[in-house]
N, C-alpha and C. Protein backbone atom coordinates (compact mmCIF):
# COMPACT_ATOMS: atom_id res chain seq x y z
N MET A 1 94.18 105.57 109.52
CA MET A 1 94.48 104.73 108.40
C MET A 1 94.97 105.58 107.22
N GLY A 2 94.35 106.74 107.04
CA GLY A 2 94.78 107.62 105.96
C GLY A 2 96.21 108.09 106.13
N ASP A 3 96.57 108.41 107.37
CA ASP A 3 97.94 108.83 107.66
C ASP A 3 98.91 107.69 107.37
N GLN A 4 98.53 106.49 107.76
CA GLN A 4 99.39 105.32 107.52
C GLN A 4 99.59 105.10 106.02
N ALA A 5 98.51 105.21 105.25
CA ALA A 5 98.61 105.04 103.80
C ALA A 5 99.50 106.12 103.19
N THR A 6 99.37 107.34 103.67
CA THR A 6 100.19 108.43 103.17
C THR A 6 101.66 108.19 103.47
N ARG A 7 101.96 107.78 104.70
CA ARG A 7 103.36 107.52 105.08
C ARG A 7 103.94 106.35 104.29
N ALA A 8 103.14 105.30 104.08
CA ALA A 8 103.62 104.15 103.31
C ALA A 8 103.89 104.55 101.86
N GLY A 9 103.02 105.34 101.27
CA GLY A 9 103.24 105.81 99.91
C GLY A 9 104.49 106.66 99.79
N ALA A 10 104.68 107.54 100.76
CA ALA A 10 105.88 108.38 100.76
C ALA A 10 107.13 107.53 100.93
N SER A 11 107.06 106.52 101.79
CA SER A 11 108.20 105.63 101.99
C SER A 11 108.56 104.90 100.71
N ALA A 12 107.56 104.44 99.97
CA ALA A 12 107.83 103.76 98.69
C ALA A 12 108.56 104.70 97.75
N ALA A 13 108.05 105.91 97.60
CA ALA A 13 108.68 106.86 96.68
C ALA A 13 110.09 107.23 97.12
N LEU A 14 110.28 107.47 98.40
CA LEU A 14 111.59 107.88 98.90
C LEU A 14 112.61 106.76 98.78
N ASN A 15 112.20 105.53 99.06
CA ASN A 15 113.13 104.41 98.94
C ASN A 15 113.49 104.11 97.48
N LEU A 16 112.54 104.29 96.57
CA LEU A 16 112.87 104.15 95.14
C LEU A 16 113.89 105.20 94.73
N ALA A 17 113.69 106.42 95.20
CA ALA A 17 114.63 107.49 94.87
C ALA A 17 116.01 107.22 95.47
N GLU A 18 116.04 106.81 96.71
CA GLU A 18 117.33 106.55 97.35
C GLU A 18 118.03 105.35 96.72
N GLY A 19 117.26 104.30 96.42
CA GLY A 19 117.84 103.12 95.79
C GLY A 19 118.46 103.44 94.44
N GLY A 20 117.86 104.39 93.72
CA GLY A 20 118.39 104.77 92.42
C GLY A 20 119.79 105.36 92.49
N GLY A 21 120.18 105.85 93.64
CA GLY A 21 121.51 106.42 93.81
C GLY A 21 122.50 105.49 94.48
N ARG A 22 122.08 104.26 94.74
CA ARG A 22 122.94 103.29 95.41
C ARG A 22 123.40 102.22 94.44
N PHE A 23 124.29 101.35 94.90
CA PHE A 23 124.82 100.28 94.06
C PHE A 23 124.76 98.95 94.80
N GLY A 24 124.70 97.88 94.04
CA GLY A 24 124.78 96.54 94.61
C GLY A 24 123.60 96.18 95.50
N ARG A 25 123.92 95.43 96.55
CA ARG A 25 122.89 94.93 97.46
C ARG A 25 122.18 96.06 98.19
N ASP A 26 122.86 97.16 98.42
CA ASP A 26 122.25 98.30 99.10
C ASP A 26 121.10 98.85 98.26
N ARG A 27 121.29 98.89 96.95
CA ARG A 27 120.24 99.37 96.03
C ARG A 27 119.03 98.45 96.12
N VAL A 28 119.27 97.16 96.04
CA VAL A 28 118.18 96.19 96.07
C VAL A 28 117.42 96.25 97.39
N GLN A 29 118.12 96.49 98.48
CA GLN A 29 117.45 96.59 99.78
C GLN A 29 116.46 97.75 99.79
N HIS A 30 116.84 98.87 99.22
CA HIS A 30 115.91 100.01 99.16
C HIS A 30 114.70 99.67 98.29
N TYR A 31 114.92 98.94 97.22
CA TYR A 31 113.81 98.53 96.36
C TYR A 31 112.90 97.55 97.09
N ARG A 32 113.46 96.68 97.91
CA ARG A 32 112.64 95.76 98.72
C ARG A 32 111.76 96.54 99.70
N ILE A 33 112.34 97.53 100.34
CA ILE A 33 111.58 98.35 101.28
C ILE A 33 110.48 99.10 100.55
N ALA A 34 110.80 99.63 99.37
CA ALA A 34 109.80 100.35 98.57
C ALA A 34 108.65 99.41 98.20
N TYR A 35 108.97 98.18 97.82
CA TYR A 35 107.94 97.21 97.46
C TYR A 35 107.02 96.92 98.65
N GLY A 36 107.62 96.71 99.80
CA GLY A 36 106.83 96.47 101.01
C GLY A 36 105.95 97.66 101.37
N SER A 37 106.48 98.86 101.21
CA SER A 37 105.71 100.06 101.51
C SER A 37 104.55 100.23 100.54
N ALA A 38 104.76 99.90 99.27
CA ALA A 38 103.68 99.98 98.30
C ALA A 38 102.58 98.96 98.64
N ARG A 39 102.98 97.78 99.08
CA ARG A 39 101.99 96.77 99.51
C ARG A 39 101.21 97.27 100.72
N GLU A 40 101.92 97.91 101.64
CA GLU A 40 101.27 98.45 102.84
C GLU A 40 100.26 99.55 102.47
N ALA A 41 100.66 100.43 101.56
CA ALA A 41 99.76 101.50 101.13
C ALA A 41 98.52 100.92 100.45
N SER A 42 98.72 99.87 99.64
CA SER A 42 97.59 99.21 98.97
C SER A 42 96.61 98.63 99.98
N MET A 43 97.14 97.95 100.98
CA MET A 43 96.26 97.32 101.96
C MET A 43 95.52 98.36 102.77
N ALA A 44 96.20 99.44 103.16
CA ALA A 44 95.53 100.50 103.91
C ALA A 44 94.40 101.09 103.08
N LEU A 45 94.65 101.30 101.80
CA LEU A 45 93.61 101.85 100.93
C LEU A 45 92.45 100.87 100.77
N GLU A 46 92.76 99.59 100.61
CA GLU A 46 91.70 98.58 100.51
C GLU A 46 90.83 98.58 101.76
N LEU A 47 91.46 98.71 102.92
CA LEU A 47 90.71 98.75 104.17
C LEU A 47 89.83 99.99 104.26
N MET A 48 90.35 101.12 103.80
CA MET A 48 89.56 102.35 103.83
C MET A 48 88.38 102.28 102.85
N VAL A 49 88.59 101.67 101.69
CA VAL A 49 87.49 101.49 100.74
C VAL A 49 86.45 100.56 101.36
N GLY A 50 86.91 99.48 101.96
CA GLY A 50 86.00 98.52 102.60
C GLY A 50 85.20 99.14 103.73
N ALA A 51 85.79 100.09 104.43
CA ALA A 51 85.11 100.75 105.55
C ALA A 51 84.22 101.89 105.07
N GLY A 52 84.27 102.21 103.78
CA GLY A 52 83.46 103.29 103.25
C GLY A 52 84.07 104.67 103.44
N ALA A 53 85.32 104.72 103.87
CA ALA A 53 85.98 106.01 104.10
C ALA A 53 86.49 106.62 102.81
N VAL A 54 86.69 105.79 101.79
CA VAL A 54 87.15 106.24 100.48
C VAL A 54 86.18 105.70 99.45
N PRO A 55 85.72 106.53 98.51
CA PRO A 55 84.82 106.03 97.46
C PRO A 55 85.47 104.92 96.64
N GLU A 56 84.69 103.91 96.30
CA GLU A 56 85.23 102.75 95.61
C GLU A 56 85.92 103.10 94.30
N ALA A 57 85.34 104.00 93.51
CA ALA A 57 85.93 104.36 92.22
C ALA A 57 87.29 105.03 92.40
N ALA A 58 87.38 105.94 93.34
CA ALA A 58 88.64 106.63 93.60
C ALA A 58 89.68 105.65 94.13
N GLY A 59 89.25 104.76 95.02
CA GLY A 59 90.16 103.76 95.56
C GLY A 59 90.68 102.84 94.48
N ALA A 60 89.81 102.43 93.56
CA ALA A 60 90.21 101.53 92.48
C ALA A 60 91.26 102.18 91.59
N GLU A 61 91.09 103.46 91.33
CA GLU A 61 92.05 104.18 90.48
C GLU A 61 93.43 104.21 91.13
N VAL A 62 93.48 104.52 92.42
CA VAL A 62 94.77 104.59 93.12
C VAL A 62 95.35 103.19 93.29
N LEU A 63 94.52 102.19 93.55
CA LEU A 63 95.02 100.82 93.68
C LEU A 63 95.64 100.34 92.37
N GLU A 64 95.08 100.75 91.25
CA GLU A 64 95.66 100.39 89.95
C GLU A 64 97.06 101.00 89.80
N LEU A 65 97.21 102.24 90.21
CA LEU A 65 98.52 102.89 90.15
C LEU A 65 99.51 102.20 91.10
N LEU A 66 99.05 101.86 92.29
CA LEU A 66 99.93 101.16 93.23
C LEU A 66 100.32 99.79 92.71
N ASP A 67 99.42 99.12 92.01
CA ASP A 67 99.76 97.83 91.40
C ASP A 67 100.88 98.00 90.37
N ARG A 68 100.83 99.08 89.62
CA ARG A 68 101.90 99.34 88.65
C ARG A 68 103.23 99.60 89.35
N VAL A 69 103.18 100.35 90.45
CA VAL A 69 104.40 100.61 91.23
C VAL A 69 104.95 99.29 91.76
N LYS A 70 104.08 98.45 92.30
CA LYS A 70 104.54 97.16 92.83
C LYS A 70 105.14 96.30 91.72
N ALA A 71 104.53 96.28 90.55
CA ALA A 71 105.06 95.48 89.45
C ALA A 71 106.43 95.98 89.00
N MET A 72 106.57 97.30 88.86
CA MET A 72 107.86 97.86 88.45
C MET A 72 108.93 97.59 89.50
N THR A 73 108.55 97.75 90.76
CA THR A 73 109.51 97.53 91.84
C THR A 73 109.91 96.06 91.92
N TRP A 74 108.95 95.17 91.72
CA TRP A 74 109.25 93.73 91.72
C TRP A 74 110.30 93.42 90.65
N ARG A 75 110.14 94.01 89.47
CA ARG A 75 111.10 93.77 88.39
C ARG A 75 112.47 94.37 88.72
N MET A 76 112.51 95.42 89.51
CA MET A 76 113.79 96.00 89.91
C MET A 76 114.50 95.09 90.91
N ILE A 77 113.71 94.41 91.74
CA ILE A 77 114.28 93.48 92.72
C ILE A 77 114.70 92.18 92.05
N HIS A 78 113.91 91.74 91.06
CA HIS A 78 114.14 90.47 90.37
C HIS A 78 114.33 90.71 88.87
N PRO A 79 115.47 91.28 88.48
CA PRO A 79 115.67 91.56 87.04
C PRO A 79 115.81 90.26 86.25
N ARG A 80 115.32 90.30 85.02
CA ARG A 80 115.50 89.14 84.12
C ARG A 80 116.93 89.16 83.62
N ARG A 81 117.51 88.00 83.59
CA ARG A 81 118.94 87.94 83.18
C ARG A 81 119.08 87.30 81.84
């Protein structure tokens, strides 16, 4: 589960970086993938906290950061016009 969370987090970061260098629908697709990866990382972390593999306080701190990433990414996918 830890490996999965790590890979999902890396995928979110890498897709945000790649999307930043793209244009149009291609850019938005990378942001969509990043959003999904951030959600995946959050769920993996929640499961690890629930299983007692990660201390609750540490998990809460990282989940808060992932929530911020998800919120920012959501706004990149759905910009206000």
